[in-house]
């Protein structure tokens, strides 16, 4: 039954003008922390990623800014 639902969703989206490659995106949730609380629960890990992988100076930045920066970098990838 789940395959039938999946196929219906794909057909519906195609008829509505969606479903091409430009609309394929990974879920928002998988691109990183969604809330500030989630970011802060793994702050050491995320801060290291911002500093080492993306070369961002995180000194003096609020958690909201860090979440936005991390999400932006991951969306570009």
PDB file of N, CA and C in Angstrom:
ATOM      1  N   UNK A   1       0.820  -1.187   0.000  1.00  0.00           N
ATOM      2  CA  UNK A   1       0.000   0.000   0.000  1.00  0.00           C
ATOM      3  C   UNK A   1       0.874   1.266   0.000  1.00  0.00           C
ATOM      4  N   UNK A   2       2.002   1.220   0.707  1.00  0.00           N
ATOM      5  CA  UNK A   2       2.851   2.408   0.761  1.00  0.00           C
ATOM      6  C   UNK A   2       3.430   2.742  -0.614  1.00  0.00           C
ATOM      7  N   UNK A   3       3.669   1.725  -1.441  1.00  0.00           N
ATOM      8  CA  UNK A   3       4.165   1.987  -2.797  1.00  0.00           C
ATOM      9  C   UNK A   3       3.109   2.711  -3.627  1.00  0.00           C
ATOM     10  N   UNK A   4       1.850   2.323  -3.447  1.00  0.00           N
ATOM     11  CA  UNK A   4       0.759   2.982  -4.171  1.00  0.00           C
ATOM     12  C   UNK A   4       0.638   4.444  -3.746  1.00  0.00           C
ATOM     13  N   UNK A   5       0.782   4.714  -2.454  1.00  0.00           N
ATOM     14  CA  UNK A   5       0.713   6.090  -1.953  1.00  0.00           C
ATOM     15  C   UNK A   5       1.881   6.904  -2.509  1.00  0.00           C
ATOM     16  N   UNK A   6       3.063   6.318  -2.505  1.00  0.00           N
ATOM     17  CA  UNK A   6       4.244   6.999  -3.033  1.00  0.00           C
ATOM     18  C   UNK A   6       4.045   7.330  -4.512  1.00  0.00           C
ATOM     19  N   UNK A   7       3.571   6.374  -5.290  1.00  0.00           N
ATOM     20  CA  UNK A   7       3.340   6.612  -6.719  1.00  0.00           C
ATOM     21  C   UNK A   7       2.277   7.686  -6.947  1.00  0.00           C
ATOM     22  N   UNK A   8       1.220   7.675  -6.132  1.00  0.00           N
ATOM     23  CA  UNK A   8       0.191   8.715  -6.238  1.00  0.00           C
ATOM     24  C   UNK A   8       0.793  10.094  -5.968  1.00  0.00           C
ATOM     25  N   UNK A   9       1.615  10.198  -4.943  1.00  0.00           N
ATOM     26  CA  UNK A   9       2.245  11.480  -4.616  1.00  0.00           C
ATOM     27  C   UNK A   9       3.127  11.959  -5.764  1.00  0.00           C
ATOM     28  N   UNK A  10       3.881  11.061  -6.363  1.00  0.00           N
ATOM     29  CA  UNK A  10       4.740  11.438  -7.496  1.00  0.00           C
ATOM     30  C   UNK A  10       3.911  11.935  -8.679  1.00  0.00           C
ATOM     31  N   UNK A  11       2.838  11.237  -9.012  1.00  0.00           N
ATOM     32  CA  UNK A  11       1.987  11.629 -10.137  1.00  0.00           C
ATOM     33  C   UNK A  11       1.317  12.960  -9.847  1.00  0.00           C
ATOM     34  N   UNK A  12       0.812  13.120  -8.633  1.00  0.00           N
ATOM     35  CA  UNK A  12       0.168  14.381  -8.255  1.00  0.00           C
ATOM     36  C   UNK A  12       1.138  15.545  -8.387  1.00  0.00           C
ATOM     37  N   UNK A  13       2.345  15.367  -7.878  1.00  0.00           N
ATOM     38  CA  UNK A  13       3.350  16.428  -7.956  1.00  0.00           C
ATOM     39  C   UNK A  13       3.712  16.753  -9.401  1.00  0.00           C
ATOM     40  N   UNK A  14       3.820  15.746 -10.254  1.00  0.00           N
ATOM     41  CA  UNK A  14       4.115  15.989 -11.666  1.00  0.00           C
ATOM     42  C   UNK A  14       3.008  16.797 -12.329  1.00  0.00           C
ATOM     43  N   UNK A  15       1.765  16.467 -12.018  1.00  0.00           N
ATOM     44  CA  UNK A  15       0.639  17.209 -12.598  1.00  0.00           C
ATOM     45  C   UNK A  15       0.587  18.651 -12.095  1.00  0.00           C
ATOM     46  N   UNK A  16       1.104  18.881 -10.898  1.00  0.00           N
ATOM     47  CA  UNK A  16       1.117  20.232 -10.331  1.00  0.00           C
ATOM     48  C   UNK A  16       2.360  21.014 -10.751  1.00  0.00           C
ATOM     49  N   UNK A  17       3.218  20.399 -11.561  1.00  0.00           N
ATOM     50  CA  UNK A  17       4.391  21.102 -12.067  1.00  0.00           C
ATOM     51  C   UNK A  17       5.652  20.886 -11.261  1.00  0.00           C
ATOM     52  N   UNK A  18       5.602  19.971 -10.323  1.00  0.00           N
ATOM     53  CA  UNK A  18       6.778  19.660  -9.516  1.00  0.00           C
ATOM     54  C   UNK A  18       7.245  18.258  -9.859  1.00  0.00           C
ATOM     55  N   UNK A  19       8.395  17.881  -9.354  1.00  0.00           N
ATOM     56  CA  UNK A  19       8.861  16.524  -9.547  1.00  0.00           C
ATOM     57  C   UNK A  19      10.070  16.414 -10.451  1.00  0.00           C
ATOM     58  N   UNK A  20      10.506  17.525 -11.006  1.00  0.00           N
ATOM     59  CA  UNK A  20      11.709  17.473 -11.822  1.00  0.00           C
ATOM     60  C   UNK A  20      12.938  17.535 -10.915  1.00  0.00           C
ATOM     61  N   UNK A  21      14.114  17.402 -11.509  1.00  0.00           N
ATOM     62  CA  UNK A  21      15.354  17.401 -10.744  1.00  0.00           C
ATOM     63  C   UNK A  21      15.544  18.666  -9.924  1.00  0.00           C
ATOM     64  N   UNK A  22      15.093  19.795 -10.434  1.00  0.00           N
ATOM     65  CA  UNK A  22      15.286  21.051  -9.708  1.00  0.00           C
ATOM     66  C   UNK A  22      14.505  21.080  -8.399  1.00  0.00           C
ATOM     67  N   UNK A  23      13.489  20.247  -8.262  1.00  0.00           N
ATOM     68  CA  UNK A  23      12.686  20.205  -7.047  1.00  0.00           C
ATOM     69  C   UNK A  23      13.129  19.116  -6.082  1.00  0.00           C
ATOM     70  N   UNK A  24      14.057  18.251  -6.509  1.00  0.00           N
ATOM     71  CA  UNK A  24      14.549  17.199  -5.627  1.00  0.00           C
ATOM     72  C   UNK A  24      15.508  17.802  -4.611  1.00  0.00           C
ATOM     73  N   UNK A  25      15.161  17.680  -3.366  1.00  0.00           N
ATOM     74  CA  UNK A  25      16.012  18.167  -2.287  1.00  0.00           C
ATOM     75  C   UNK A  25      15.931  17.180  -1.132  1.00  0.00           C
ATOM     76  N   UNK A  26      17.011  17.110  -0.392  1.00  0.00           N
ATOM     77  CA  UNK A  26      16.954  16.281   0.796  1.00  0.00           C
ATOM     78  C   UNK A  26      16.104  17.013   1.835  1.00  0.00           C
ATOM     79  N   UNK A  27      15.509  16.283   2.755  1.00  0.00           N
ATOM     80  CA  UNK A  27      14.652  16.914   3.755  1.00  0.00           C
ATOM     81  C   UNK A  27      15.391  17.980   4.570  1.00  0.00           C
ATOM     82  N   UNK A  28      14.676  19.024   4.912  1.00  0.00           N
ATOM     83  CA  UNK A  28      15.213  20.143   5.687  1.00  0.00           C
ATOM     84  C   UNK A  28      15.891  19.644   6.956  1.00  0.00           C
ATOM     85  N   UNK A  29      15.307  18.658   7.589  1.00  0.00           N
ATOM     86  CA  UNK A  29      15.781  18.131   8.859  1.00  0.00           C
ATOM     87  C   UNK A  29      17.179  17.508   8.746  1.00  0.00           C
ATOM     88  N   UNK A  30      17.507  16.962   7.589  1.00  0.00           N
ATOM     89  CA  UNK A  30      18.780  16.267   7.456  1.00  0.00           C
ATOM     90  C   UNK A  30      19.951  17.208   7.200  1.00  0.00           C
ATOM     91  N   UNK A  31      19.681  18.493   7.012  1.00  0.00           N
ATOM     92  CA  UNK A  31      20.756  19.443   6.727  1.00  0.00           C
ATOM     93  C   UNK A  31      21.386  20.026   7.975  1.00  0.00           C
ATOM     94  N   UNK A  32      20.962  19.573   9.115  1.00  0.00           N
ATOM     95  CA  UNK A  32      21.562  20.079  10.342  1.00  0.00           C
ATOM     96  C   UNK A  32      20.506  20.353  11.385  1.00  0.00           C
ATOM     97  N   UNK A  33      20.918  20.990  12.436  1.00  0.00           N
ATOM     98  CA  UNK A  33      19.987  21.262  13.521  1.00  0.00           C
ATOM     99  C   UNK A  33      18.903  22.220  13.063  1.00  0.00           C
ATOM    100  N   UNK A  34      17.696  21.949  13.483  1.00  0.00           N
ATOM    101  CA  UNK A  34      16.548  22.759  13.090  1.00  0.00           C
ATOM    102  C   UNK A  34      16.319  23.879  14.102  1.00  0.00           C
ATOM    103  N   UNK A  35      16.547  23.579  15.365  1.00  0.00           N
ATOM    104  CA  UNK A  35      16.324  24.575  16.412  1.00  0.00           C
ATOM    105  C   UNK A  35      17.642  24.943  17.082  1.00  0.00           C
ATOM    106  N   UNK A  36      17.613  26.049  17.772  1.00  0.00           N
ATOM    107  CA  UNK A  36      18.793  26.501  18.512  1.00  0.00           C
ATOM    108  C   UNK A  36      19.126  25.510  19.627  1.00  0.00           C
ATOM    109  N   UNK A  37      18.097  24.944  20.250  1.00  0.00           N
ATOM    110  CA  UNK A  37      18.327  23.982  21.328  1.00  0.00           C
ATOM    111  C   UNK A  37      19.080  22.757  20.818  1.00  0.00           C
ATOM    112  N   UNK A  38      18.723  22.299  19.628  1.00  0.00           N
ATOM    113  CA  UNK A  38      19.445  21.158  19.041  1.00  0.00           C
ATOM    114  C   UNK A  38      20.903  21.526  18.783  1.00  0.00           C
ATOM    115  N   UNK A  39      21.114  22.728  18.247  1.00  0.00           N
ATOM    116  CA  UNK A  39      22.481  23.165  17.976  1.00  0.00           C
ATOM    117  C   UNK A  39      23.288  23.197  19.264  1.00  0.00           C
ATOM    118  N   UNK A  40      22.700  23.754  20.294  1.00  0.00           N
ATOM    119  CA  UNK A  40      23.423  23.895  21.558  1.00  0.00           C
ATOM    120  C   UNK A  40      23.684  22.554  22.234  1.00  0.00           C
ATOM    121  N   UNK A  41      22.840  21.545  21.968  1.00  0.00           N
ATOM    122  CA  UNK A  41      23.078  20.238  22.577  1.00  0.00           C
ATOM    123  C   UNK A  41      24.329  19.567  21.988  1.00  0.00           C
ATOM    124  N   UNK A  42      24.689  19.911  20.756  1.00  0.00           N
ATOM    125  CA  UNK A  42      25.903  19.392  20.115  1.00  0.00           C
ATOM    126  C   UNK A  42      26.811  20.543  19.679  1.00  0.00           C
ATOM    127  N   UNK A  43      26.861  21.572  20.485  1.00  0.00           N
ATOM    128  CA  UNK A  43      27.551  22.801  20.119  1.00  0.00           C
ATOM    129  C   UNK A  43      29.029  22.590  19.800  1.00  0.00           C
ATOM    130  N   UNK A  44      29.719  21.781  20.576  1.00  0.00           N
ATOM    131  CA  UNK A  44      31.150  21.554  20.317  1.00  0.00           C
ATOM    132  C   UNK A  44      31.369  20.995  18.921  1.00  0.00           C
ATOM    133  N   UNK A  45      30.563  20.027  18.552  1.00  0.00           N
ATOM    134  CA  UNK A  45      30.692  19.402  17.230  1.00  0.00           C
ATOM    135  C   UNK A  45      30.416  20.405  16.114  1.00  0.00           C
ATOM    136  N   UNK A  46      29.311  21.124  16.230  1.00  0.00           N
ATOM    137  CA  UNK A  46      28.931  22.077  15.181  1.00  0.00           C
ATOM    138  C   UNK A  46      29.903  23.256  15.109  1.00  0.00           C
ATOM    139  N   UNK A  47      30.369  23.721  16.267  1.00  0.00           N
ATOM    140  CA  UNK A  47      31.343  24.811  16.266  1.00  0.00           C
ATOM    141  C   UNK A  47      32.641  24.388  15.576  1.00  0.00           C
ATOM    142  N   UNK A  48      33.069  23.152  15.841  1.00  0.00           N
ATOM    143  CA  UNK A  48      34.269  22.636  15.172  1.00  0.00           C
ATOM    144  C   UNK A  48      34.073  22.574  13.663  1.00  0.00           C
ATOM    145  N   UNK A  49      32.896  22.144  13.225  1.00  0.00           N
ATOM    146  CA  UNK A  49      32.621  22.079  11.783  1.00  0.00           C
ATOM    147  C   UNK A  49      32.674  23.466  11.158  1.00  0.00           C
ATOM    148  N   UNK A  50      32.046  24.429  11.808  1.00  0.00           N
ATOM    149  CA  UNK A  50      32.055  25.789  11.261  1.00  0.00           C
ATOM    150  C   UNK A  50      33.464  26.348  11.187  1.00  0.00           C
ATOM    151  N   UNK A  51      34.245  26.122  12.233  1.00  0.00           N
ATOM    152  CA  UNK A  51      35.587  26.690  12.281  1.00  0.00           C
ATOM    153  C   UNK A  51      36.556  25.975  11.346  1.00  0.00           C
ATOM    154  N   UNK A  52      36.571  24.658  11.383  1.00  0.00           N
ATOM    155  CA  UNK A  52      37.572  23.894  10.632  1.00  0.00           C
ATOM    156  C   UNK A  52      37.168  23.650   9.184  1.00  0.00           C
ATOM    157  N   UNK A  53      35.944  23.218   8.985  1.00  0.00           N
ATOM    158  CA  UNK A  53      35.518  22.830   7.638  1.00  0.00           C
ATOM    159  C   UNK A  53      35.166  24.039   6.771  1.00  0.00           C
ATOM    160  N   UNK A  54      34.514  25.039   7.372  1.00  0.00           N
ATOM    161  CA  UNK A  54      34.035  26.174   6.594  1.00  0.00           C
ATOM    162  C   UNK A  54      34.831  27.452   6.827  1.00  0.00           C
ATOM    163  N   UNK A  55      35.753  27.442   7.794  1.00  0.00           N
ATOM    164  CA  UNK A  55      36.617  28.583   8.029  1.00  0.00           C
ATOM    165  C   UNK A  55      35.920  29.819   8.563  1.00  0.00           C
ATOM    166  N   UNK A  56      34.912  29.619   9.397  1.00  0.00           N
ATOM    167  CA  UNK A  56      34.143  30.731   9.964  1.00  0.00           C
ATOM    168  C   UNK A  56      34.693  31.077  11.341  1.00  0.00           C
ATOM    169  N   UNK A  57      34.862  32.366  11.601  1.00  0.00           N
ATOM    170  CA  UNK A  57      35.255  32.817  12.938  1.00  0.00           C
ATOM    171  C   UNK A  57      33.989  32.880  13.783  1.00  0.00           C
ATOM    172  N   UNK A  58      33.844  31.953  14.719  1.00  0.00           N
ATOM    173  CA  UNK A  58      32.606  31.840  15.482  1.00  0.00           C
ATOM    174  C   UNK A  58      32.605  32.680  16.761  1.00  0.00           C
ATOM    175  N   UNK A  59      33.702  33.347  17.049  1.00  0.00           N
ATOM    176  CA  UNK A  59      33.793  34.149  18.274  1.00  0.00           C
ATOM    177  C   UNK A  59      32.775  35.287  18.228  1.00  0.00           C
ATOM    178  N   UNK A  60      31.975  35.378  19.274  1.00  0.00           N
ATOM    179  CA  UNK A  60      31.018  36.465  19.393  1.00  0.00           C
ATOM    180  C   UNK A  60      29.729  36.272  18.614  1.00  0.00           C
ATOM    181  N   UNK A  61      29.544  35.141  17.962  1.00  0.00           N
ATOM    182  CA  UNK A  61      28.317  34.895  17.207  1.00  0.00           C
ATOM    183  C   UNK A  61      27.303  34.180  18.099  1.00  0.00           C
ATOM    184  N   UNK A  62      26.057  34.563  17.954  1.00  0.00           N
ATOM    185  CA  UNK A  62      24.983  33.918  18.707  1.00  0.00           C
ATOM    186  C   UNK A  62      24.658  32.574  18.066  1.00  0.00           C
ATOM    187  N   UNK A  63      24.006  31.723  18.821  1.00  0.00           N
ATOM    188  CA  UNK A  63      23.658  30.400  18.318  1.00  0.00           C
ATOM    189  C   UNK A  63      22.749  30.482  17.099  1.00  0.00           C
ATOM    190  N   UNK A  64      21.845  31.471  17.061  1.00  0.00           N
ATOM    191  CA  UNK A  64      20.955  31.639  15.913  1.00  0.00           C
ATOM    192  C   UNK A  64      21.748  31.896  14.634  1.00  0.00           C
ATOM    193  N   UNK A  65      22.783  32.718  14.753  1.00  0.00           N
ATOM    194  CA  UNK A  65      23.636  33.012  13.595  1.00  0.00           C
ATOM    195  C   UNK A  65      24.392  31.760  13.149  1.00  0.00           C
ATOM    196  N   UNK A  66      24.871  30.995  14.117  1.00  0.00           N
ATOM    197  CA  UNK A  66      25.622  29.791  13.792  1.00  0.00           C
ATOM    198  C   UNK A  66      24.736  28.764  13.090  1.00  0.00           C
ATOM    199  N   UNK A  67      23.488  28.623  13.563  1.00  0.00           N
ATOM    200  CA  UNK A  67      22.545  27.698  12.924  1.00  0.00           C
ATOM    201  C   UNK A  67      22.319  28.116  11.476  1.00  0.00           C
ATOM    202  N   UNK A  68      22.108  29.404  11.243  1.00  0.00           N
ATOM    203  CA  UNK A  68      21.869  29.909   9.886  1.00  0.00           C
ATOM    204  C   UNK A  68      23.092  29.698   8.988  1.00  0.00           C
ATOM    205  N   UNK A  69      24.276  29.947   9.516  1.00  0.00           N
ATOM    206  CA  UNK A  69      25.500  29.742   8.741  1.00  0.00           C
ATOM    207  C   UNK A  69      25.685  28.272   8.360  1.00  0.00           C
ATOM    208  N   UNK A  70      25.523  27.403   9.347  1.00  0.00           N
ATOM    209  CA  UNK A  70      25.706  25.978   9.097  1.00  0.00           C
ATOM    210  C   UNK A  70      24.695  25.476   8.073  1.00  0.00           C
ATOM    211  N   UNK A  71      23.451  25.885   8.207  1.00  0.00           N
ATOM    212  CA  UNK A  71      22.411  25.471   7.266  1.00  0.00           C
ATOM    213  C   UNK A  71      22.714  25.999   5.866  1.00  0.00           C
ATOM    214  N   UNK A  72      23.178  27.217   5.763  1.00  0.00           N
ATOM    215  CA  UNK A  72      23.516  27.794   4.457  1.00  0.00           C
ATOM    216  C   UNK A  72      24.620  27.019   3.769  1.00  0.00           C
ATOM    217  N   UNK A  73      25.663  26.677   4.515  1.00  0.00           N
ATOM    218  CA  UNK A  73      26.765  25.906   3.929  1.00  0.00           C
ATOM    219  C   UNK A  73      26.293  24.533   3.465  1.00  0.00           C
ATOM    220  N   UNK A  74      25.462  23.907   4.282  1.00  0.00           N
ATOM    221  CA  UNK A  74      25.007  22.569   3.926  1.00  0.00           C
ATOM    222  C   UNK A  74      24.038  22.596   2.741  1.00  0.00           C
ATOM    223  N   UNK A  75      23.228  23.631   2.623  1.00  0.00           N
ATOM    224  CA  UNK A  75      22.337  23.731   1.473  1.00  0.00           C
ATOM    225  C   UNK A  75      23.101  23.942   0.175  1.00  0.00           C
ATOM    226  N   UNK A  76      24.208  24.680   0.248  1.00  0.00           N
ATOM    227  CA  UNK A  76      25.036  24.883  -0.941  1.00  0.00           C
ATOM    228  C   UNK A  76      25.625  23.578  -1.440  1.00  0.00           C
ATOM    229  N   UNK A  77      25.939  22.694  -0.515  1.00  0.00           N
ATOM    230  CA  UNK A  77      26.529  21.409  -0.904  1.00  0.00           C
ATOM    231  C   UNK A  77      25.510  20.597  -1.633  1.00  0.00           C
TER     232      UNK A  77
END
